[in-house]
C-alpha atoms as a PDB file:
ATOM      1  CA  MET A   1      68.572   2.378 -40.695  1.00  0.00           C
ATOM      2  CA  PRO A   2      64.800   2.855 -40.284  1.00  0.00           C
ATOM      3  CA  GLN A   3      63.618   2.168 -43.634  1.00  0.00           C
ATOM      4  CA  ARG A   4      65.691  -0.634 -43.984  1.00  0.00           C
ATOM      5  CA  LYS A   5      63.941  -2.312 -41.390  1.00  0.00           C
ATOM      6  CA  TRP A   6      60.368  -1.208 -42.973  1.00  0.00           C
ATOM      7  CA  GLN A   7      61.454  -2.596 -46.088  1.00  0.00           C
ATOM      8  CA  GLN A   8      62.910  -5.928 -44.701  1.00  0.00           C
ATOM      9  CA  ALA A   9      59.477  -6.691 -42.297  1.00  0.00           C
ATOM     10  CA  LEU A  10      57.697  -6.811 -46.058  1.00  0.00           C
ATOM     11  CA  ARG A  11      56.813 -10.273 -47.797  1.00  0.00           C
ATOM     12  CA  PRO A  12      58.304 -11.181 -50.640  1.00  0.00           C
ATOM     13  CA  VAL A  13      56.486 -11.215 -53.933  1.00  0.00           C
ATOM     14  CA  PRO A  14      55.262 -14.527 -55.311  1.00  0.00           C
ATOM     15  CA  ARG A  15      57.405 -15.600 -58.015  1.00  0.00           C
ATOM     16  CA  PRO A  16      56.184 -17.236 -60.980  1.00  0.00           C
ATOM     17  CA  LEU A  17      55.864 -20.547 -62.239  1.00  0.00           C
ATOM     18  CA  LEU A  18      58.376 -19.895 -64.942  1.00  0.00           C
ATOM     19  CA  PRO A  19      61.301 -18.222 -63.819  1.00  0.00           C
ATOM     20  CA  ALA A  20      62.850 -15.487 -66.428  1.00  0.00           C
ATOM     21  CA  ALA A  21      65.936 -17.581 -67.009  1.00  0.00           C
ATOM     22  CA  VAL A  22      63.941 -21.116 -67.747  1.00  0.00           C
ATOM     23  CA  ARG A  23      61.447 -19.116 -70.234  1.00  0.00           C
ATOM     24  CA  PRO A  24      63.143 -19.007 -73.497  1.00  0.00           C
ATOM     25  CA  VAL A  25      63.970 -22.628 -72.888  1.00  0.00           C
ATOM     26  CA  ALA A  26      60.017 -23.067 -72.220  1.00  0.00           C
ATOM     27  CA  ALA A  27      58.656 -21.507 -75.329  1.00  0.00           C
ATOM     28  CA  ALA A  28      61.402 -23.280 -77.252  1.00  0.00           C
ATOM     29  CA  ALA A  29      60.239 -27.237 -75.756  1.00  0.00           C
ATOM     30  CA  LEU A  30      56.674 -25.771 -76.149  1.00  0.00           C
ATOM     31  CA  ALA A  31      57.076 -24.847 -80.216  1.00  0.00           C
ATOM     32  CA  SER A  32      58.480 -28.618 -80.231  1.00  0.00           C
ATOM     33  CA  CYS A  33      56.377 -30.444 -78.147  1.00  0.00           C
ATOM     34  CA  VAL A  34      53.360 -28.661 -80.539  1.00  0.00           C
ATOM     35  CA  ALA A  35      55.831 -29.267 -83.844  1.00  0.00           C
ATOM     36  CA  VAL A  36      55.941 -33.101 -82.746  1.00  0.00           C
ATOM     37  CA  THR A  37      52.157 -33.867 -82.293  1.00  0.00           C
ATOM     38  CA  ALA A  38      51.192 -31.809 -85.559  1.00  0.00           C
ATOM     39  CA  PHE A  39      53.898 -33.681 -87.591  1.00  0.00           C
ATOM     40  CA  LEU A  40      52.998 -37.263 -85.853  1.00  0.00           C
ATOM     41  CA  GLY A  41      49.139 -36.492 -86.463  1.00  0.00           C
ATOM     42  CA  VAL A  42      49.735 -35.485 -90.061  1.00  0.00           C
ATOM     43  CA  TRP A  43      51.914 -38.276 -90.585  1.00  0.00           C
ATOM     44  CA  PHE A  44      49.405 -41.303 -89.237  1.00  0.00           C
ATOM     45  CA  ALA A  45      46.413 -39.845 -89.728  1.00  0.00           C
ATOM     46  CA  HIS A  46      43.660 -42.966 -90.700  1.00  0.00           C
ATOM     47  CA  HIS A  47      46.364 -45.572 -90.320  1.00  0.00           C
ATOM     48  CA  ARG A  48      45.508 -48.703 -89.134  1.00  0.00           C
ATOM     49  CA  GLN A  49      49.223 -50.339 -89.364  1.00  0.00           C
ATOM     50  CA  ALA A  50      52.531 -49.257 -87.841  1.00  0.00           C
ATOM     51  CA  GLY A  51      55.030 -47.188 -89.673  1.00  0.00           C
ATOM     52  CA  TRP A  52      58.450 -48.072 -90.495  1.00  0.00           C
ATOM     53  CA  LEU A  53      59.405 -45.927 -86.514  1.00  0.00           C
ATOM     54  CA  ASP A  54      57.168 -48.104 -84.852  1.00  0.00           C
ATOM     55  CA  HIS A  55      58.449 -51.557 -86.262  1.00  0.00           C
ATOM     56  CA  ALA A  56      61.823 -50.751 -85.932  1.00  0.00           C
ATOM     57  CA  VAL A  57      61.310 -49.868 -82.441  1.00  0.00           C
ATOM     58  CA  ASP A  58      58.656 -52.061 -81.067  1.00  0.00           C
ATOM     59  CA  ALA A  59      60.178 -54.719 -81.952  1.00  0.00           C
ATOM     60  CA  ARG A  60      62.864 -53.535 -80.059  1.00  0.00           C
ATOM     61  CA  VAL A  61      61.163 -52.943 -76.696  1.00  0.00           C
ATOM     62  CA  GLN A  62      58.935 -56.049 -77.035  1.00  0.00           C
ATOM     63  CA  ALA A  63      61.773 -58.711 -77.290  1.00  0.00           C
ATOM     64  CA  SER A  64      63.574 -57.395 -74.286  1.00  0.00           C
ATOM     65  CA  LEU A  65      60.287 -56.876 -72.357  1.00  0.00           C
ATOM     66  CA  GLY A  66      57.652 -59.341 -73.854  1.00  0.00           C
ATOM     67  CA  ASP A  67      58.814 -62.456 -70.935  1.00  0.00           C
ATOM     68  CA  HIS A  68      57.754 -59.779 -68.107  1.00  0.00           C
ATOM     69  CA  GLN A  69      53.906 -59.609 -68.762  1.00  0.00           C
ATOM     70  CA  ALA A  70      52.872 -59.553 -65.036  1.00  0.00           C
ATOM     71  CA  ALA A  71      55.269 -56.273 -63.829  1.00  0.00           C
ATOM     72  CA  LEU A  72      54.717 -54.670 -67.199  1.00  0.00           C
ATOM     73  CA  ASN A  73      50.851 -54.784 -66.640  1.00  0.00           C
ATOM     74  CA  GLN A  74      51.271 -52.915 -62.952  1.00  0.00           C
ATOM     75  CA  VAL A  75      53.397 -50.733 -64.567  1.00  0.00           C
ATOM     76  CA  VAL A  76      50.724 -49.388 -66.846  1.00  0.00           C
ATOM     77  CA  ARG A  77      48.357 -49.136 -64.296  1.00  0.00           C
ATOM     78  CA  LEU A  78      50.503 -45.848 -62.953  1.00  0.00           C
ATOM     79  CA  GLY A  79      49.180 -44.404 -66.174  1.00  0.00           C
ATOM     80  CA  ASP A  80      45.401 -45.319 -65.891  1.00  0.00           C
ATOM     81  CA  LEU A  81      42.390 -42.802 -64.807  1.00  0.00           C
ATOM     82  CA  THR A  82      42.249 -43.997 -61.324  1.00  0.00           C
ATOM     83  CA  SER A  83      46.208 -43.882 -60.090  1.00  0.00           C
ATOM     84  CA  VAL A  84      46.070 -40.379 -62.258  1.00  0.00           C
ATOM     85  CA  THR A  85      43.863 -39.301 -60.782  1.00  0.00           C
ATOM     86  CA  VAL A  86      45.288 -40.000 -57.001  1.00  0.00           C
ATOM     87  CA  LEU A  87      48.718 -38.500 -58.080  1.00  0.00           C
ATOM     88  CA  THR A  88      46.695 -35.412 -59.239  1.00  0.00           C
ATOM     89  CA  ALA A  89      45.025 -35.206 -55.828  1.00  0.00           C
ATOM     90  CA  ALA A  90      48.475 -35.405 -53.976  1.00  0.00           C
ATOM     91  CA  LEU A  91      50.523 -33.207 -55.858  1.00  0.00           C
ATOM     92  CA  LEU A  92      47.330 -30.174 -55.170  1.00  0.00           C
ATOM     93  CA  VAL A  93      47.668 -30.888 -51.528  1.00  0.00           C
ATOM     94  CA  ALA A  94      51.334 -30.493 -51.402  1.00  0.00           C
ATOM     95  CA  CYS A  95      50.661 -27.492 -53.297  1.00  0.00           C
ATOM     96  CA  ALA A  96      48.313 -26.075 -51.025  1.00  0.00           C
ATOM     97  CA  VAL A  97      50.311 -27.156 -48.375  1.00  0.00           C
ATOM     98  CA  ALA A  98      53.531 -25.463 -49.879  1.00  0.00           C
ATOM     99  CA  ARG A  99      51.287 -22.260 -50.524  1.00  0.00           C
ATOM    100  CA  ARG A 100      51.980 -22.647 -54.243  1.00  0.00           C
ATOM    101  CA  TRP A 101      48.478 -21.039 -55.192  1.00  0.00           C
ATOM    102  CA  ARG A 102      50.031 -21.430 -59.041  1.00  0.00           C
ATOM    103  CA  GLY A 103      50.767 -24.284 -58.771  1.00  0.00           C
ATOM    104  CA  VAL A 104      47.677 -25.378 -56.945  1.00  0.00           C
ATOM    105  CA  VAL A 105      46.295 -23.684 -60.707  1.00  0.00           C
ATOM    106  CA  LEU A 106      48.786 -25.234 -62.627  1.00  0.00           C
ATOM    107  CA  VAL A 107      48.217 -29.071 -61.711  1.00  0.00           C
ATOM    108  CA  ALA A 108      43.979 -28.451 -61.355  1.00  0.00           C
ATOM    109  CA  VAL A 109      43.602 -26.892 -65.416  1.00  0.00           C
ATOM    110  CA  ALA A 110      46.977 -28.840 -66.903  1.00  0.00           C
ATOM    111  CA  VAL A 111      46.132 -32.647 -66.349  1.00  0.00           C
ATOM    112  CA  PRO A 112      42.113 -32.865 -67.217  1.00  0.00           C
ATOM    113  CA  ALA A 113      42.753 -30.257 -70.235  1.00  0.00           C
ATOM    114  CA  ALA A 114      45.549 -32.784 -71.300  1.00  0.00           C
ATOM    115  CA  ALA A 115      43.344 -36.175 -70.926  1.00  0.00           C
ATOM    116  CA  SER A 116      40.272 -34.138 -72.995  1.00  0.00           C
ATOM    117  CA  ILE A 117      42.243 -32.856 -75.348  1.00  0.00           C
ATOM    118  CA  THR A 118      43.816 -36.323 -76.351  1.00  0.00           C
ATOM    119  CA  GLU A 119      40.297 -38.427 -75.673  1.00  0.00           C
ATOM    120  CA  PHE A 120      37.869 -36.139 -77.067  1.00  0.00           C
ATOM    121  CA  ALA A 121      40.172 -33.496 -80.052  1.00  0.00           C
ATOM    122  CA  LEU A 122      42.895 -35.763 -81.070  1.00  0.00           C
ATOM    123  CA  LYS A 123      42.603 -38.968 -81.183  1.00  0.00           C
ATOM    124  CA  PRO A 124      38.858 -38.874 -83.061  1.00  0.00           C
ATOM    125  CA  PHE A 125      40.477 -36.675 -85.860  1.00  0.00           C
ATOM    126  CA  ILE A 126      43.256 -38.274 -86.319  1.00  0.00           C
ATOM    127  CA  ASP A 127      41.786 -41.178 -85.932  1.00  0.00           C
ATOM    128  CA  ARG A 128      44.417 -43.952 -85.815  1.00  0.00           C
ATOM    129  CA  THR A 129      43.951 -47.074 -84.825  1.00  0.00           C
ATOM    130  CA  LEU A 130      45.317 -50.813 -83.360  1.00  0.00           C
ATOM    131  CA  SER A 131      43.154 -53.963 -83.027  1.00  0.00           C
ATOM    132  CA  GLY A 132      40.100 -51.674 -83.638  1.00  0.00           C
ATOM    133  CA  ASP A 133      40.550 -49.005 -80.924  1.00  0.00           C
ATOM    134  CA  LEU A 134      41.798 -45.514 -81.593  1.00  0.00           C
ATOM    135  CA  SER A 135      45.520 -45.365 -80.409  1.00  0.00           C
ATOM    136  CA  PHE A 136      46.823 -41.349 -80.936  1.00  0.00           C
ATOM    137  CA  PRO A 137      48.274 -40.245 -78.799  1.00  0.00           C
ATOM    138  CA  SER A 138      48.685 -42.945 -75.941  1.00  0.00           C
ATOM    139  CA  GLY A 139      45.987 -41.869 -73.258  1.00  0.00           C
ATOM    140  CA  HIS A 140      48.413 -43.552 -70.361  1.00  0.00           C
ATOM    141  CA  THR A 141      51.257 -41.865 -71.445  1.00  0.00           C
ATOM    142  CA  THR A 142      49.172 -38.207 -72.058  1.00  0.00           C
ATOM    143  CA  GLY A 143      48.114 -38.458 -68.351  1.00  0.00           C
ATOM    144  CA  ILE A 144      51.355 -39.220 -66.344  1.00  0.00           C
ATOM    145  CA  SER A 145      53.742 -37.373 -68.622  1.00  0.00           C
ATOM    146  CA  THR A 146      51.433 -34.125 -67.533  1.00  0.00           C
ATOM    147  CA  LEU A 147      52.131 -34.964 -64.305  1.00  0.00           C
ATOM    148  CA  ALA A 148      55.574 -35.326 -64.682  1.00  0.00           C
ATOM    149  CA  ALA A 149      55.430 -31.839 -66.436  1.00  0.00           C
ATOM    150  CA  ALA A 150      54.039 -30.229 -63.768  1.00  0.00           C
ATOM    151  CA  ILE A 151      56.288 -31.489 -61.115  1.00  0.00           C
ATOM    152  CA  ALA A 152      59.321 -30.417 -62.826  1.00  0.00           C
ATOM    153  CA  VAL A 153      58.450 -27.237 -63.359  1.00  0.00           C
ATOM    154  CA  LEU A 154      56.971 -27.190 -60.125  1.00  0.00           C
ATOM    155  CA  LEU A 155      60.750 -27.377 -59.064  1.00  0.00           C
ATOM    156  CA  ALA A 156      62.024 -24.954 -61.432  1.00  0.00           C
ATOM    157  CA  GLY A 157      59.829 -22.414 -60.212  1.00  0.00           C
ATOM    158  CA  SER A 158      59.593 -23.047 -56.437  1.00  0.00           C
ATOM    159  CA  PRO A 159      60.441 -19.728 -54.027  1.00  0.00           C
ATOM    160  CA  ARG A 160      60.279 -21.829 -50.986  1.00  0.00           C
ATOM    161  CA  LEU A 161      61.782 -25.422 -51.395  1.00  0.00           C
ATOM    162  CA  ARG A 162      65.453 -25.004 -50.346  1.00  0.00           C
ATOM    163  CA  VAL A 163      66.769 -27.915 -52.230  1.00  0.00           C
ATOM    164  CA  PRO A 164      69.885 -27.651 -54.282  1.00  0.00           C
ATOM    165  CA  ALA A 165      69.233 -27.220 -57.841  1.00  0.00           C
ATOM    166  CA  ALA A 166      71.076 -30.765 -58.802  1.00  0.00           C
ATOM    167  CA  LEU A 167      68.729 -32.281 -56.638  1.00  0.00           C
ATOM    168  CA  ARG A 168      65.758 -30.699 -58.261  1.00  0.00           C
ATOM    169  CA  VAL A 169      67.373 -32.159 -61.400  1.00  0.00           C
ATOM    170  CA  LEU A 170      67.605 -35.292 -60.785  1.00  0.00           C
ATOM    171  CA  LEU A 171      63.713 -35.079 -58.856  1.00  0.00           C
ATOM    172  CA  ALA A 172      62.355 -34.138 -62.289  1.00  0.00           C
ATOM    173  CA  LEU A 173      63.984 -37.194 -63.936  1.00  0.00           C
ATOM    174  CA  GLY A 174      63.034 -39.534 -61.766  1.00  0.00           C
ATOM    175  CA  ALA A 175      58.559 -37.886 -62.656  1.00  0.00           C
ATOM    176  CA  TYR A 176      60.638 -38.102 -66.175  1.00  0.00           C
ATOM    177  CA  ALA A 177      61.630 -41.739 -65.594  1.00  0.00           C
ATOM    178  CA  VAL A 178      58.257 -42.692 -64.274  1.00  0.00           C
ATOM    179  CA  ALA A 179      56.588 -41.935 -67.336  1.00  0.00           C
ATOM    180  CA  ALA A 180      59.269 -43.268 -69.861  1.00  0.00           C
ATOM    181  CA  ALA A 181      58.563 -46.777 -67.879  1.00  0.00           C
ATOM    182  CA  VAL A 182      54.887 -46.531 -68.487  1.00  0.00           C
ATOM    183  CA  ALA A 183      55.396 -45.911 -72.226  1.00  0.00           C
ATOM    184  CA  ALA A 184      57.592 -48.181 -72.745  1.00  0.00           C
ATOM    185  CA  ALA A 185      55.569 -51.294 -70.776  1.00  0.00           C
ATOM    186  CA  LEU A 186      52.145 -50.222 -72.868  1.00  0.00           C
ATOM    187  CA  VAL A 187      55.195 -50.834 -75.807  1.00  0.00           C
ATOM    188  CA  GLY A 188      55.944 -54.136 -74.583  1.00  0.00           C
ATOM    189  CA  LEU A 189      52.594 -55.289 -74.152  1.00  0.00           C
ATOM    190  CA  GLY A 190      51.479 -54.134 -77.358  1.00  0.00           C
ATOM    191  CA  MET A 191      48.576 -51.505 -76.206  1.00  0.00           C
ATOM    192  CA  HIS A 192      50.306 -48.428 -78.271  1.00  0.00           C
ATOM    193  CA  TYR A 193      52.363 -48.017 -81.332  1.00  0.00           C
ATOM    194  CA  PHE A 194      55.459 -46.545 -79.904  1.00  0.00           C
ATOM    195  CA  THR A 195      55.013 -42.706 -81.799  1.00  0.00           C
ATOM    196  CA  ASP A 196      51.458 -43.509 -79.964  1.00  0.00           C
ATOM    197  CA  THR A 197      53.364 -42.369 -76.633  1.00  0.00           C
ATOM    198  CA  VAL A 198      55.477 -39.858 -77.650  1.00  0.00           C
ATOM    199  CA  GLY A 199      52.334 -38.216 -79.099  1.00  0.00           C
ATOM    200  CA  GLY A 200      51.112 -38.538 -75.172  1.00  0.00           C
ATOM    201  CA  ALA A 201      54.273 -36.935 -73.938  1.00  0.00           C
ATOM    202  CA  ALA A 202      54.515 -34.227 -76.396  1.00  0.00           C
ATOM    203  CA  VAL A 203      51.142 -33.200 -75.418  1.00  0.00           C
ATOM    204  CA  GLY A 204      51.679 -33.675 -71.752  1.00  0.00           C
ATOM    205  CA  ALA A 205      54.507 -31.504 -71.714  1.00  0.00           C
ATOM    206  CA  ALA A 206      52.839 -28.597 -74.428  1.00  0.00           C
ATOM    207  CA  VAL A 207      49.360 -28.486 -71.913  1.00  0.00           C
ATOM    208  CA  VAL A 208      51.482 -27.810 -69.054  1.00  0.00           C
ATOM    209  CA  LEU A 209      53.879 -25.172 -70.540  1.00  0.00           C
ATOM    210  CA  ALA A 210      50.991 -23.495 -72.271  1.00  0.00           C
ATOM    211  CA  ALA A 211      48.928 -23.659 -68.944  1.00  0.00           C
ATOM    212  CA  ALA A 212      52.359 -22.301 -67.123  1.00  0.00           C
ATOM    213  CA  PHE A 213      52.643 -19.392 -69.499  1.00  0.00           C
ATOM    214  CA  VAL A 214      48.867 -18.161 -69.694  1.00  0.00           C
ATOM    215  CA  ILE A 215      48.559 -18.610 -65.545  1.00  0.00           C
ATOM    216  CA  ASP A 216      51.689 -16.468 -65.053  1.00  0.00           C
ATOM    217  CA  ARG A 217      50.655 -14.035 -67.512  1.00  0.00           C
ATOM    218  CA  PHE A 218      47.160 -12.803 -66.312  1.00  0.00           C
ATOM    219  CA  ALA A 219      47.744 -14.317 -62.469  1.00  0.00           C
ATOM    220  CA  PRO A 220      47.329 -11.237 -60.492  1.00  0.00           C
ATOM    221  CA  ARG A 221      50.263  -9.999 -58.717  1.00  0.00           C
ATOM    222  CA  GLU A 222      49.838  -9.564 -55.230  1.00  0.00           C
ATOM    223  CA  ARG A 223      51.255  -6.541 -53.147  1.00  0.00           C
ATOM    224  CA  GLN A 224      53.947  -6.701 -50.528  1.00  0.00           C
ATOM    225  CA  ARG A 225      51.914  -7.055 -47.086  1.00  0.00           C
ATOM    226  CA  PRO A 226      53.725  -6.806 -43.553  1.00  0.00           C
ATOM    227  CA  VAL A 227      54.152  -9.989 -41.916  1.00  0.00           C
ATOM    228  CA  PRO A 228      51.960 -10.504 -39.214  1.00  0.00           C
ATOM    229  CA  GLY A 229      52.916  -9.327 -36.259  1.00  0.00           C
ATOM    230  CA  ALA A 230      55.604  -6.961 -37.602  1.00  0.00           C
ATOM    231  CA  SER A 231      53.008  -4.763 -39.128  1.00  0.00           C
ATOM    232  CA  ALA A 232      52.690  -2.329 -35.703  1.00  0.00           C
ATOM    233  CA  SER A 233      56.416  -2.455 -35.306  1.00  0.00           C
ATOM    234  CA  ALA A 234      56.893  -1.504 -39.608  1.00  0.00           C
ATOM    235  CA  ALA A 235      54.030   1.342 -39.361  1.00  0.00           C
ATOM    236  CA  ARG A 236      55.853   3.116 -36.983  1.00  0.00           C
ATOM    237  CA  SER A 237      59.621   2.634 -37.888  1.00  0.00           C
ATOM    238  CA  GLY A 238      58.369   3.547 -41.436  1.00  0.00           C
ATOM    239  CA  PRO A 239      60.029   6.913 -43.221  1.00  0.00           C
ATOM    240  CA  GLU A 240      56.869   8.159 -42.746  1.00  0.00           C
ATOM    241  CA  HIS A 241      56.631   8.029 -38.999  1.00  0.00           C
ATOM    242  CA  TRP A 242      60.051   9.262 -38.485  1.00  0.00           C
ATOM    243  CA  GLN A 243      59.496  11.938 -41.527  1.00  0.00           C
ATOM    244  CA  ASN A 244      56.832  13.245 -39.274  1.00  0.00           C
ATOM    245  CA  GLN A 245      58.390  12.894 -35.614  1.00  0.00           C
ATOM    246  CA  PRO A 246      58.878  17.132 -34.474  1.00  0.00           C
ATOM    247  CA  ARG A 247      62.470  17.408 -34.280  1.00  0.00           C
ATOM    248  CA  PRO A 248      64.137  17.299 -30.447  1.00  0.00           C
ATOM    249  CA  ARG A 249      64.706  21.631 -29.361  1.00  0.00           C
ATOM    250  CA  THR A 250      68.087  22.627 -27.900  1.00  0.00           C
ATOM    251  CA  SER A 251      68.566  25.191 -25.895  1.00  0.00           C
ATOM    252  CA  SER A 252      71.355  27.848 -26.815  1.00  0.00           C
ATOM    253  CA  PRO A 253      73.225  29.428 -24.320  1.00  0.00           C
ATOM    254  CA  GLY A 254      72.664  33.235 -23.413  1.00  0.00           C
ATOM    255  CA  ARG A 255      69.087  32.695 -23.377  1.00  0.00           C
ATOM    256  CA  GLY A 256      67.035  30.988 -20.760  1.00  0.00           C
ATOM    257  CA  SER A 257      69.993  28.768 -19.753  1.00  0.00           C
ATOM    258  CA  PRO A 258      71.957  29.707 -16.727  1.00  0.00           C
ATOM    259  CA  PRO A 259      75.432  31.278 -17.484  1.00  0.00           C
ATOM    260  CA  SER A 260      78.189  28.046 -17.548  1.00  0.00           C
ATOM    261  CA  THR A 261      80.837  28.392 -14.737  1.00  0.00           C
END
């Protein structure tokens, strides 16, 4: 019993960003995102016009959304640099308040890393243009998709958030629905090809998943520490304390004790 109380007075070790049950799915998703980005990059390298898939999808999206230019412009703003920066800051604050320090590192690293990979590496290297501007992958889609992927990872591995699994799935899907809306608006306005937005989404998810694996692998593992206010009682009730206690002395009849009547 004392040993059980001593163990209950200790804090649990923080859980990783990617729980063991999620890691195989996350690894497969990471490999798929890298493969999609590489395939589309090779396919559209140095292209100056839409491919057959873009012709098929872009025409339908623009026909469906073309009459809502004002609304589409508002949706696109969710993926610009200012909005992504504000949303990133809000997510960092939420992680800090929840004491999700690995989540803080994930968001702080993944969002700027994904944007830098898109703008400074993939766009110049692949050199696909639309109206004279580099277009693959879409920077707007990369930014908002990185945030959506980070939210999904944080919801999957939260140790303190007591939210039903179904609600977590709905919240993650809601984040991706916003990212999909930004991508559709970009295509509807003719600012990007459909495959540009697919590449941006793949880059964002790949960077988040890769960062989560690296953080879980190299982040220091915290040891169990006593709960504040319970350290003294835990030390007094620990197994060493009870083992070192002197045993009570019992008196034996016939030596030093009066005879019973």
